[in-house]
Amino acid sequence: MDMDKLKKIFTKANMKTYAMDTLYDILGSILYAVGYYSFASNANFAPGGVGGIAIIINHYLPWAPLFLCQNIINIPIAILCYKLLGKKFFIKSIKTMFFMWIFGDFIIPLFPKYGGAEIAEANRLIAAIFAGILTGAGLALVYMRGSSTGGSDFVIMSIRKKKPHMSVGSITLLIDGVVILMGGVVFRNINAVLYGIIMTILASLVIDKLMYGSGAQKMLLIFSDKTDEIKQKIFETTERGVTFLKAVGAYTGQDRHIIMCVCSKTEVFPTREIVKKTDPNAMVMLSTVDEAYGYGFNPLIEK
């Protein structure tokens, strides 16, 4: 490798990105490992994905380290999906899997599991709740840096590449559902299925909240005959910019403007009040925008 390529790799921006990737990997791995090892693995239920399969294996082979079992399943799946998902994603995911193995099998086991040897039924529910929250938070941190924990993530993304018409939700539901049902059979308890579902749903909700909820904005579409007046009052009151969308009335055939305004949740009420007072006959459509980037919102380019 020549010096120019080395300099390109070790630029300040690249090193900062690598450091942030590693930091998120470490924090995500700790949260994920605590959720799986300290809570889920001792509560006699299996959540969805490869983690759930690893818990089932660990149930029959208690001496087998939980995260080593995950990686034994993960690595062949990663190799099979390598061409579809690309080199960069593959390398990042392997690094994440390595950190999870270190924390999950060597560091977190130094601390006691939740619930003791024979966990009570009420404690199983608490374990499912905390396992879902912690693993969801850990996965969100990993996903934020363009990585994954391997396993079902690789399978889901590969299926999506081959069959783009299939939704991520339906593929995830199919894979997770099969593993959760297997857990019910293995632990011979219908509650094992219910707790597996609770953990999986909570993890999904936490992932969505952390990845999108913090930056969620509201978008208003305002249909009115007084768009210029409403626009000016929005400028003066909230200092938000608006965009005019050209439209044609299907009944009248006349050209008209629709106001599109993206704002924070706290700015929705004053904006709606402006519309109500200016034109009581106006129509306002309100929807949620997961994230907004650019002037007045999150920076489009990280500094």
C-alpha atoms as a PDB file:
ATOM      1  CA  MET A   1       0.000   0.000   0.000  1.00  0.00           C
ATOM      2  CA  ASP A   2       1.507   3.390  -1.016  1.00  0.00           C
ATOM      3  CA  MET A   3       1.785   6.457   1.204  1.00  0.00           C
ATOM      4  CA  ASP A   4      -1.052   8.342  -0.527  1.00  0.00           C
ATOM      5  CA  LYS A   5      -3.514   5.554   0.283  1.00  0.00           C
ATOM      6  CA  LEU A   6      -2.293   5.421   3.884  1.00  0.00           C
ATOM      7  CA  LYS A   7      -2.705   9.198   4.261  1.00  0.00           C
ATOM      8  CA  LYS A   8      -6.215   8.928   2.826  1.00  0.00           C
ATOM      9  CA  ILE A   9      -7.139   6.220   5.351  1.00  0.00           C
ATOM     10  CA  PHE A  10      -5.647   8.034   8.357  1.00  0.00           C
ATOM     11  CA  THR A  11      -7.149  11.465   7.742  1.00  0.00           C
ATOM     12  CA  LYS A  12      -8.545  13.356  10.724  1.00  0.00           C
ATOM     13  CA  ALA A  13     -12.129  12.905   9.493  1.00  0.00           C
ATOM     14  CA  ASN A  14     -11.706   9.158   8.990  1.00  0.00           C
ATOM     15  CA  MET A  15     -10.120   8.691  12.408  1.00  0.00           C
ATOM     16  CA  LYS A  16     -12.936  10.661  14.057  1.00  0.00           C
ATOM     17  CA  THR A  17     -15.527   8.516  12.251  1.00  0.00           C
ATOM     18  CA  TYR A  18     -13.730   5.331  13.264  1.00  0.00           C
ATOM     19  CA  ALA A  19     -13.518   6.511  16.903  1.00  0.00           C
ATOM     20  CA  MET A  20     -17.253   7.304  16.959  1.00  0.00           C
ATOM     21  CA  ASP A  21     -18.074   3.941  15.357  1.00  0.00           C
ATOM     22  CA  THR A  22     -16.016   2.175  18.024  1.00  0.00           C
ATOM     23  CA  LEU A  23     -17.552   4.174  20.877  1.00  0.00           C
ATOM     24  CA  TYR A  24     -21.091   3.385  19.688  1.00  0.00           C
ATOM     25  CA  ASP A  25     -20.103  -0.271  19.226  1.00  0.00           C
ATOM     26  CA  ILE A  26     -18.803  -0.490  22.798  1.00  0.00           C
ATOM     27  CA  LEU A  27     -21.812   1.247  24.382  1.00  0.00           C
ATOM     28  CA  GLY A  28     -24.251  -0.706  22.210  1.00  0.00           C
ATOM     29  CA  SER A  29     -22.507  -3.997  22.998  1.00  0.00           C
ATOM     30  CA  ILE A  30     -22.658  -3.355  26.748  1.00  0.00           C
ATOM     31  CA  LEU A  31     -26.390  -2.578  26.678  1.00  0.00           C
ATOM     32  CA  TYR A  32     -27.162  -5.494  24.360  1.00  0.00           C
ATOM     33  CA  ALA A  33     -25.078  -7.934  26.440  1.00  0.00           C
ATOM     34  CA  VAL A  34     -26.703  -6.840  29.717  1.00  0.00           C
ATOM     35  CA  GLY A  35     -30.162  -7.232  28.163  1.00  0.00           C
ATOM     36  CA  TYR A  36     -29.486 -10.728  26.834  1.00  0.00           C
ATOM     37  CA  TYR A  37     -27.175 -12.187  29.473  1.00  0.00           C
ATOM     38  CA  SER A  38     -28.355 -10.524  32.692  1.00  0.00           C
ATOM     39  CA  PHE A  39     -32.097 -10.555  31.968  1.00  0.00           C
ATOM     40  CA  ALA A  40     -33.314 -12.693  29.042  1.00  0.00           C
ATOM     41  CA  SER A  41     -31.038 -15.745  29.362  1.00  0.00           C
ATOM     42  CA  ASN A  42     -32.139 -16.472  32.924  1.00  0.00           C
ATOM     43  CA  ALA A  43     -35.877 -15.958  32.412  1.00  0.00           C
ATOM     44  CA  ASN A  44     -36.674 -19.115  30.393  1.00  0.00           C
ATOM     45  CA  PHE A  45     -37.950 -17.544  27.202  1.00  0.00           C
ATOM     46  CA  ALA A  46     -36.458 -16.893  23.766  1.00  0.00           C
ATOM     47  CA  PRO A  47     -36.851 -13.571  21.936  1.00  0.00           C
ATOM     48  CA  GLY A  48     -36.662 -13.361  18.158  1.00  0.00           C
ATOM     49  CA  GLY A  49     -33.570 -13.630  15.985  1.00  0.00           C
ATOM     50  CA  VAL A  50     -30.234 -15.351  16.431  1.00  0.00           C
ATOM     51  CA  GLY A  51     -30.089 -14.196  20.060  1.00  0.00           C
ATOM     52  CA  GLY A  52     -33.171 -16.290  20.764  1.00  0.00           C
ATOM     53  CA  ILE A  53     -31.636 -19.325  19.041  1.00  0.00           C
ATOM     54  CA  ALA A  54     -28.487 -18.860  21.163  1.00  0.00           C
ATOM     55  CA  ILE A  55     -30.605 -18.842  24.345  1.00  0.00           C
ATOM     56  CA  ILE A  56     -32.274 -22.099  23.244  1.00  0.00           C
ATOM     57  CA  ILE A  57     -28.845 -23.701  22.603  1.00  0.00           C
ATOM     58  CA  ASN A  58     -27.608 -22.416  25.946  1.00  0.00           C
ATOM     59  CA  HIS A  59     -30.637 -23.998  27.629  1.00  0.00           C
ATOM     60  CA  TYR A  60     -29.532 -27.455  26.425  1.00  0.00           C
ATOM     61  CA  LEU A  61     -25.793 -26.729  26.724  1.00  0.00           C
ATOM     62  CA  PRO A  62     -25.412 -24.513  29.824  1.00  0.00           C
ATOM     63  CA  TRP A  63     -21.628 -24.654  29.537  1.00  0.00           C
ATOM     64  CA  ALA A  64     -21.721 -23.040  26.059  1.00  0.00           C
ATOM     65  CA  PRO A  65     -21.089 -19.256  26.229  1.00  0.00           C
ATOM     66  CA  LEU A  66     -24.157 -17.365  25.039  1.00  0.00           C
ATOM     67  CA  PHE A  67     -22.474 -14.914  22.660  1.00  0.00           C
ATOM     68  CA  LEU A  68     -20.073 -17.509  21.292  1.00  0.00           C
ATOM     69  CA  CYS A  69     -23.176 -19.466  20.264  1.00  0.00           C
ATOM     70  CA  GLN A  70     -24.518 -16.333  18.564  1.00  0.00           C
ATOM     71  CA  ASN A  71     -21.294 -15.808  16.624  1.00  0.00           C
ATOM     72  CA  ILE A  72     -21.057 -19.466  15.578  1.00  0.00           C
ATOM     73  CA  ILE A  73     -24.455 -18.971  13.933  1.00  0.00           C
ATOM     74  CA  ASN A  74     -23.689 -15.424  12.754  1.00  0.00           C
ATOM     75  CA  ILE A  75     -20.393 -15.990  10.938  1.00  0.00           C
ATOM     76  CA  PRO A  76     -21.615 -18.461   8.276  1.00  0.00           C
ATOM     77  CA  ILE A  77     -24.701 -16.275   7.683  1.00  0.00           C
ATOM     78  CA  ALA A  78     -22.413 -13.235   7.289  1.00  0.00           C
ATOM     79  CA  ILE A  79     -20.187 -15.063   4.797  1.00  0.00           C
ATOM     80  CA  LEU A  80     -23.194 -16.230   2.759  1.00  0.00           C
ATOM     81  CA  CYS A  81     -24.601 -12.688   2.646  1.00  0.00           C
ATOM     82  CA  TYR A  82     -21.247 -10.958   2.003  1.00  0.00           C
ATOM     83  CA  LYS A  83     -21.739 -10.349  -1.719  1.00  0.00           C
ATOM     84  CA  LEU A  84     -25.247  -8.984  -1.310  1.00  0.00           C
ATOM     85  CA  LEU A  85     -24.496  -6.571   1.549  1.00  0.00           C
ATOM     86  CA  GLY A  86     -21.030  -5.341   0.596  1.00  0.00           C
ATOM     87  CA  LYS A  87     -17.553  -5.255   2.112  1.00  0.00           C
ATOM     88  CA  LYS A  88     -17.964  -2.126   4.264  1.00  0.00           C
ATOM     89  CA  PHE A  89     -21.128  -3.321   5.990  1.00  0.00           C
ATOM     90  CA  PHE A  90     -19.631  -6.787   6.446  1.00  0.00           C
ATOM     91  CA  ILE A  91     -16.446  -5.470   8.143  1.00  0.00           C
ATOM     92  CA  LYS A  92     -18.396  -3.104  10.409  1.00  0.00           C
ATOM     93  CA  SER A  93     -20.727  -5.917  11.463  1.00  0.00           C
ATOM     94  CA  ILE A  94     -17.834  -8.294  12.219  1.00  0.00           C
ATOM     95  CA  LYS A  95     -16.288  -5.599  14.451  1.00  0.00           C
ATOM     96  CA  THR A  96     -19.605  -5.145  16.269  1.00  0.00           C
ATOM     97  CA  MET A  97     -19.991  -8.918  16.724  1.00  0.00           C
ATOM     98  CA  PHE A  98     -16.468  -9.055  18.192  1.00  0.00           C
ATOM     99  CA  PHE A  99     -17.252  -6.380  20.804  1.00  0.00           C
ATOM    100  CA  MET A 100     -20.515  -8.102  21.735  1.00  0.00           C
ATOM    101  CA  TRP A 101     -18.684 -11.396  22.198  1.00  0.00           C
ATOM    102  CA  ILE A 102     -16.032  -9.773  24.452  1.00  0.00           C
ATOM    103  CA  PHE A 103     -18.557  -7.974  26.643  1.00  0.00           C
ATOM    104  CA  GLY A 104     -21.235 -10.683  26.527  1.00  0.00           C
ATOM    105  CA  ASP A 105     -19.044 -13.689  27.380  1.00  0.00           C
ATOM    106  CA  PHE A 106     -16.203 -12.221  29.428  1.00  0.00           C
ATOM    107  CA  ILE A 107     -17.197  -8.989  31.175  1.00  0.00           C
ATOM    108  CA  ILE A 108     -20.951  -8.952  31.839  1.00  0.00           C
ATOM    109  CA  PRO A 109     -20.879 -12.537  33.293  1.00  0.00           C
ATOM    110  CA  LEU A 110     -18.692 -11.164  36.115  1.00  0.00           C
ATOM    111  CA  PHE A 111     -21.871  -9.531  37.423  1.00  0.00           C
ATOM    112  CA  PRO A 112     -24.895 -11.463  38.764  1.00  0.00           C
ATOM    113  CA  LYS A 113     -27.888 -12.319  36.584  1.00  0.00           C
ATOM    114  CA  TYR A 114     -31.303 -10.924  37.417  1.00  0.00           C
ATOM    115  CA  GLY A 115     -33.668 -13.187  39.356  1.00  0.00           C
ATOM    116  CA  GLY A 116     -31.446 -15.917  40.773  1.00  0.00           C
ATOM    117  CA  ALA A 117     -31.421 -19.597  39.869  1.00  0.00           C
ATOM    118  CA  GLU A 118     -35.211 -20.137  39.922  1.00  0.00           C
ATOM    119  CA  ILE A 119     -36.729 -16.924  38.617  1.00  0.00           C
ATOM    120  CA  ALA A 120     -40.287 -16.142  39.744  1.00  0.00           C
ATOM    121  CA  GLU A 121     -43.087 -15.627  37.221  1.00  0.00           C
ATOM    122  CA  ALA A 122     -43.469 -11.910  38.028  1.00  0.00           C
ATOM    123  CA  ASN A 123     -39.716 -11.460  37.676  1.00  0.00           C
ATOM    124  CA  ARG A 124     -39.836 -13.071  34.219  1.00  0.00           C
ATOM    125  CA  LEU A 125     -42.101 -10.252  33.056  1.00  0.00           C
ATOM    126  CA  ILE A 126     -39.717  -7.638  34.513  1.00  0.00           C
ATOM    127  CA  ALA A 127     -36.818  -9.458  32.841  1.00  0.00           C
ATOM    128  CA  ALA A 128     -38.612  -9.344  29.468  1.00  0.00           C
ATOM    129  CA  ILE A 129     -39.314  -5.619  29.837  1.00  0.00           C
ATOM    130  CA  PHE A 130     -35.754  -4.665  30.788  1.00  0.00           C
ATOM    131  CA  ALA A 131     -34.252  -7.053  28.238  1.00  0.00           C
ATOM    132  CA  GLY A 132     -36.324  -5.405  25.497  1.00  0.00           C
ATOM    133  CA  ILE A 133     -35.382  -1.872  26.564  1.00  0.00           C
ATOM    134  CA  LEU A 134     -31.662  -2.613  26.930  1.00  0.00           C
ATOM    135  CA  THR A 135     -31.233  -4.683  23.760  1.00  0.00           C
ATOM    136  CA  GLY A 136     -33.273  -2.138  21.794  1.00  0.00           C
ATOM    137  CA  ALA A 137     -31.064   0.708  23.028  1.00  0.00           C
ATOM    138  CA  GLY A 138     -27.921  -1.300  22.232  1.00  0.00           C
ATOM    139  CA  LEU A 139     -29.099  -2.167  18.722  1.00  0.00           C
ATOM    140  CA  ALA A 140     -30.126   1.448  18.037  1.00  0.00           C
ATOM    141  CA  LEU A 141     -26.596   2.649  18.844  1.00  0.00           C
ATOM    142  CA  VAL A 142     -25.137   0.008  16.520  1.00  0.00           C
ATOM    143  CA  TYR A 143     -27.575   0.800  13.685  1.00  0.00           C
ATOM    144  CA  MET A 144     -26.883   4.538  13.989  1.00  0.00           C
ATOM    145  CA  ARG A 145     -23.313   3.917  12.796  1.00  0.00           C
ATOM    146  CA  GLY A 146     -24.298   1.765   9.818  1.00  0.00           C
ATOM    147  CA  SER A 147     -23.435  -1.569  11.439  1.00  0.00           C
ATOM    148  CA  SER A 148     -25.386  -4.592  12.669  1.00  0.00           C
ATOM    149  CA  THR A 149     -25.160  -7.555  15.031  1.00  0.00           C
ATOM    150  CA  GLY A 150     -25.284  -9.997  12.118  1.00  0.00           C
ATOM    151  CA  GLY A 151     -27.650 -12.958  12.197  1.00  0.00           C
ATOM    152  CA  SER A 152     -31.229 -12.124  11.297  1.00  0.00           C
ATOM    153  CA  ASP A 153     -30.160  -8.578  10.281  1.00  0.00           C
ATOM    154  CA  PHE A 154     -28.104 -10.120   7.447  1.00  0.00           C
ATOM    155  CA  VAL A 155     -30.942 -12.439   6.469  1.00  0.00           C
ATOM    156  CA  ILE A 156     -33.554  -9.657   6.483  1.00  0.00           C
ATOM    157  CA  MET A 157     -31.432  -7.292   4.397  1.00  0.00           C
ATOM    158  CA  SER A 158     -30.484 -10.035   1.959  1.00  0.00           C
ATOM    159  CA  ILE A 159     -34.122 -11.038   1.449  1.00  0.00           C
ATOM    160  CA  ARG A 160     -34.964  -7.364   0.892  1.00  0.00           C
ATOM    161  CA  LYS A 161     -32.255  -7.120  -1.769  1.00  0.00           C
ATOM    162  CA  LYS A 162     -33.645 -10.169  -3.566  1.00  0.00           C
ATOM    163  CA  LYS A 163     -37.330  -9.384  -2.975  1.00  0.00           C
ATOM    164  CA  PRO A 164     -37.671  -5.591  -2.533  1.00  0.00           C
ATOM    165  CA  HIS A 165     -41.484  -5.826  -2.608  1.00  0.00           C
ATOM    166  CA  MET A 166     -41.452  -7.546   0.790  1.00  0.00           C
ATOM    167  CA  SER A 167     -41.591  -5.226   3.797  1.00  0.00           C
ATOM    168  CA  VAL A 168     -38.947  -5.345   6.518  1.00  0.00           C
ATOM    169  CA  GLY A 169     -41.724  -5.731   9.085  1.00  0.00           C
ATOM    170  CA  SER A 170     -43.198  -8.847   7.484  1.00  0.00           C
ATOM    171  CA  ILE A 171     -39.773 -10.506   7.075  1.00  0.00           C
ATOM    172  CA  THR A 172     -38.820  -9.699  10.682  1.00  0.00           C
ATOM    173  CA  LEU A 173     -42.172 -10.952  11.961  1.00  0.00           C
ATOM    174  CA  LEU A 174     -41.711 -14.245  10.117  1.00  0.00           C
ATOM    175  CA  ILE A 175     -38.153 -14.885  11.372  1.00  0.00           C
ATOM    176  CA  ASP A 176     -38.749 -13.694  14.944  1.00  0.00           C
ATOM    177  CA  GLY A 177     -42.092 -15.476  15.166  1.00  0.00           C
ATOM    178  CA  VAL A 178     -40.566 -18.859  14.320  1.00  0.00           C
ATOM    179  CA  VAL A 179     -37.813 -18.465  16.959  1.00  0.00           C
ATOM    180  CA  ILE A 180     -40.232 -17.267  19.647  1.00  0.00           C
ATOM    181  CA  LEU A 181     -42.530 -20.243  19.009  1.00  0.00           C
ATOM    182  CA  MET A 182     -39.501 -22.553  19.234  1.00  0.00           C
ATOM    183  CA  GLY A 183     -38.806 -21.010  22.646  1.00  0.00           C
ATOM    184  CA  GLY A 184     -42.325 -21.870  23.783  1.00  0.00           C
ATOM    185  CA  VAL A 185     -41.777 -25.505  22.765  1.00  0.00           C
ATOM    186  CA  VAL A 186     -38.322 -25.718  24.397  1.00  0.00           C
ATOM    187  CA  PHE A 187     -39.352 -24.137  27.700  1.00  0.00           C
ATOM    188  CA  ARG A 188     -42.764 -25.891  27.604  1.00  0.00           C
ATOM    189  CA  ASN A 189     -44.576 -22.775  28.713  1.00  0.00           C
ATOM    190  CA  ILE A 190     -47.015 -20.513  26.852  1.00  0.00           C
ATOM    191  CA  ASN A 191     -45.697 -17.596  28.901  1.00  0.00           C
ATOM    192  CA  ALA A 192     -42.312 -18.116  27.250  1.00  0.00           C
ATOM    193  CA  VAL A 193     -43.949 -17.152  23.946  1.00  0.00           C
ATOM    194  CA  LEU A 194     -45.646 -14.110  25.478  1.00  0.00           C
ATOM    195  CA  TYR A 195     -42.457 -12.862  27.151  1.00  0.00           C
ATOM    196  CA  GLY A 196     -40.511 -13.387  23.927  1.00  0.00           C
ATOM    197  CA  ILE A 197     -43.084 -11.267  22.082  1.00  0.00           C
ATOM    198  CA  ILE A 198     -42.957  -8.556  24.776  1.00  0.00           C
ATOM    199  CA  MET A 199     -39.167  -8.337  24.622  1.00  0.00           C
ATOM    200  CA  THR A 200     -39.089  -8.260  20.803  1.00  0.00           C
ATOM    201  CA  ILE A 201     -41.802  -5.584  20.528  1.00  0.00           C
ATOM    202  CA  LEU A 202     -40.188  -3.402  23.213  1.00  0.00           C
ATOM    203  CA  ALA A 203     -36.800  -3.680  21.526  1.00  0.00           C
ATOM    204  CA  SER A 204     -38.343  -2.559  18.207  1.00  0.00           C
ATOM    205  CA  LEU A 205     -40.104   0.396  19.856  1.00  0.00           C
ATOM    206  CA  VAL A 206     -36.924   1.539  21.620  1.00  0.00           C
ATOM    207  CA  ILE A 207     -34.924   1.268  18.373  1.00  0.00           C
ATOM    208  CA  ASP A 208     -37.469   3.427  16.523  1.00  0.00           C
ATOM    209  CA  LYS A 209     -37.680   5.953  19.362  1.00  0.00           C
ATOM    210  CA  LEU A 210     -33.935   6.401  19.720  1.00  0.00           C
ATOM    211  CA  MET A 211     -33.193   6.435  15.987  1.00  0.00           C
ATOM    212  CA  TYR A 212     -36.113   8.573  14.838  1.00  0.00           C
ATOM    213  CA  GLY A 213     -38.115   9.865  17.794  1.00  0.00           C
ATOM    214  CA  SER A 214     -35.548  12.364  19.054  1.00  0.00           C
ATOM    215  CA  GLY A 215     -35.538  14.100  15.674  1.00  0.00           C
ATOM    216  CA  ALA A 216     -39.236  13.736  14.929  1.00  0.00           C
ATOM    217  CA  GLN A 217     -40.891  16.819  13.460  1.00  0.00           C
ATOM    218  CA  LYS A 218     -44.394  17.652  12.289  1.00  0.00           C
ATOM    219  CA  MET A 219     -45.432  18.545   8.757  1.00  0.00           C
ATOM    220  CA  LEU A 220     -48.523  20.634   8.073  1.00  0.00           C
ATOM    221  CA  LEU A 221     -50.231  20.882   4.690  1.00  0.00           C
ATOM    222  CA  ILE A 222     -52.526  23.912   4.711  1.00  0.00           C
ATOM    223  CA  PHE A 223     -55.283  24.315   2.112  1.00  0.00           C
ATOM    224  CA  SER A 224     -56.655  27.850   2.120  1.00  0.00           C
ATOM    225  CA  ASP A 225     -57.680  30.791  -0.061  1.00  0.00           C
ATOM    226  CA  LYS A 226     -55.582  33.076   2.156  1.00  0.00           C
ATOM    227  CA  THR A 227     -52.182  31.456   1.749  1.00  0.00           C
ATOM    228  CA  ASP A 228     -50.223  34.727   1.491  1.00  0.00           C
ATOM    229  CA  GLU A 229     -51.709  36.051   4.723  1.00  0.00           C
ATOM    230  CA  ILE A 230     -51.153  32.737   6.578  1.00  0.00           C
ATOM    231  CA  LYS A 231     -47.579  32.507   5.266  1.00  0.00           C
ATOM    232  CA  GLN A 232     -46.730  35.976   6.588  1.00  0.00           C
ATOM    233  CA  LYS A 233     -48.193  35.291  10.034  1.00  0.00           C
ATOM    234  CA  ILE A 234     -46.271  31.979  10.318  1.00  0.00           C
ATOM    235  CA  PHE A 235     -43.053  33.880   9.496  1.00  0.00           C
ATOM    236  CA  GLU A 236     -43.784  36.494  12.164  1.00  0.00           C
ATOM    237  CA  THR A 237     -44.960  34.109  14.901  1.00  0.00           C
ATOM    238  CA  THR A 238     -42.760  30.994  14.621  1.00  0.00           C
ATOM    239  CA  GLU A 239     -40.005  32.247  12.286  1.00  0.00           C
ATOM    240  CA  ARG A 240     -40.458  29.037  10.305  1.00  0.00           C
ATOM    241  CA  GLY A 241     -40.146  28.995   6.539  1.00  0.00           C
ATOM    242  CA  VAL A 242     -42.898  27.551   4.389  1.00  0.00           C
ATOM    243  CA  THR A 243     -43.091  26.187   0.851  1.00  0.00           C
ATOM    244  CA  PHE A 244     -45.843  26.764  -1.674  1.00  0.00           C
ATOM    245  CA  LEU A 245     -46.907  23.664  -3.580  1.00  0.00           C
ATOM    246  CA  LYS A 246     -48.740  24.255  -6.836  1.00  0.00           C
ATOM    247  CA  ALA A 247     -52.014  22.381  -7.164  1.00  0.00           C
ATOM    248  CA  VAL A 248     -55.144  22.371  -9.281  1.00  0.00           C
ATOM    249  CA  GLY A 249     -58.607  22.030  -7.782  1.00  0.00           C
ATOM    250  CA  ALA A 250     -60.239  18.936  -9.273  1.00  0.00           C
ATOM    251  CA  TYR A 251     -63.755  20.403  -9.005  1.00  0.00           C
ATOM    252  CA  THR A 252     -63.066  24.044  -9.948  1.00  0.00           C
ATOM    253  CA  GLY A 253     -60.087  23.437 -12.252  1.00  0.00           C
ATOM    254  CA  GLN A 254     -58.427  26.522 -10.733  1.00  0.00           C
ATOM    255  CA  ASP A 255     -54.747  26.846  -9.822  1.00  0.00           C
ATOM    256  CA  ARG A 256     -54.070  27.236  -6.128  1.00  0.00           C
ATOM    257  CA  HIS A 257     -51.253  27.065  -3.596  1.00  0.00           C
ATOM    258  CA  ILE A 258     -50.872  24.618  -0.723  1.00  0.00           C
ATOM    259  CA  ILE A 259     -48.645  25.665   2.183  1.00  0.00           C
ATOM    260  CA  MET A 260     -46.191  23.028   3.404  1.00  0.00           C
ATOM    261  CA  CYS A 261     -44.602  23.787   6.759  1.00  0.00           C
ATOM    262  CA  VAL A 262     -42.256  21.508   8.734  1.00  0.00           C
ATOM    263  CA  CYS A 263     -41.926  22.495  12.380  1.00  0.00           C
ATOM    264  CA  SER A 264     -41.307  21.154  15.880  1.00  0.00           C
ATOM    265  CA  LYS A 265     -44.084  19.657  17.997  1.00  0.00           C
ATOM    266  CA  THR A 266     -44.254  22.816  20.141  1.00  0.00           C
ATOM    267  CA  GLU A 267     -44.819  24.960  17.040  1.00  0.00           C
ATOM    268  CA  VAL A 268     -47.808  22.959  15.783  1.00  0.00           C
ATOM    269  CA  PHE A 269     -50.375  24.604  18.084  1.00  0.00           C
ATOM    270  CA  PRO A 270     -49.478  28.262  17.333  1.00  0.00           C
ATOM    271  CA  THR A 271     -49.317  27.466  13.593  1.00  0.00           C
ATOM    272  CA  ARG A 272     -52.732  25.818  13.685  1.00  0.00           C
ATOM    273  CA  GLU A 273     -54.130  28.790  15.652  1.00  0.00           C
ATOM    274  CA  ILE A 274     -52.828  31.143  12.960  1.00  0.00           C
ATOM    275  CA  VAL A 275     -54.686  29.158  10.299  1.00  0.00           C
ATOM    276  CA  LYS A 276     -57.885  28.961  12.373  1.00  0.00           C
ATOM    277  CA  LYS A 277     -57.974  32.726  13.030  1.00  0.00           C
ATOM    278  CA  THR A 278     -56.980  33.727   9.500  1.00  0.00           C
ATOM    279  CA  ASP A 279     -59.217  31.347   7.557  1.00  0.00           C
ATOM    280  CA  PRO A 280     -61.768  29.278   9.545  1.00  0.00           C
ATOM    281  CA  ASN A 281     -62.670  27.438   6.331  1.00  0.00           C
ATOM    282  CA  ALA A 282     -59.116  26.219   5.737  1.00  0.00           C
ATOM    283  CA  MET A 283     -58.115  22.560   5.931  1.00  0.00           C
ATOM    284  CA  VAL A 284     -54.972  21.452   7.783  1.00  0.00           C
ATOM    285  CA  MET A 285     -53.358  18.031   7.384  1.00  0.00           C
ATOM    286  CA  LEU A 286     -50.854  17.053  10.071  1.00  0.00           C
ATOM    287  CA  SER A 287     -48.322  14.223   9.763  1.00  0.00           C
ATOM    288  CA  THR A 288     -45.100  13.127  11.464  1.00  0.00           C
ATOM    289  CA  VAL A 289     -41.688  13.435   9.842  1.00  0.00           C
ATOM    290  CA  ASP A 290     -39.187  10.988  11.368  1.00  0.00           C
ATOM    291  CA  GLU A 291     -36.259  13.372  10.955  1.00  0.00           C
ATOM    292  CA  ALA A 292     -35.613  16.696   9.248  1.00  0.00           C
ATOM    293  CA  TYR A 293     -32.174  17.831   8.112  1.00  0.00           C
ATOM    294  CA  GLY A 294     -31.035  21.235   6.924  1.00  0.00           C
ATOM    295  CA  TYR A 295     -31.315  24.864   8.016  1.00  0.00           C
ATOM    296  CA  GLY A 296     -33.350  25.156  11.220  1.00  0.00           C
ATOM    297  CA  PHE A 297     -33.250  21.413  11.904  1.00  0.00           C
ATOM    298  CA  ASN A 298     -30.562  18.752  12.357  1.00  0.00           C
ATOM    299  CA  PRO A 299     -27.332  19.469  10.443  1.00  0.00           C
ATOM    300  CA  LEU A 300     -27.237  17.720   7.080  1.00  0.00           C
ATOM    301  CA  ILE A 301     -23.492  17.105   7.412  1.00  0.00           C
ATOM    302  CA  GLU A 302     -21.954  16.142  10.772  1.00  0.00           C
ATOM    303  CA  LYS A 303     -19.186  18.495  11.817  1.00  0.00           C
END
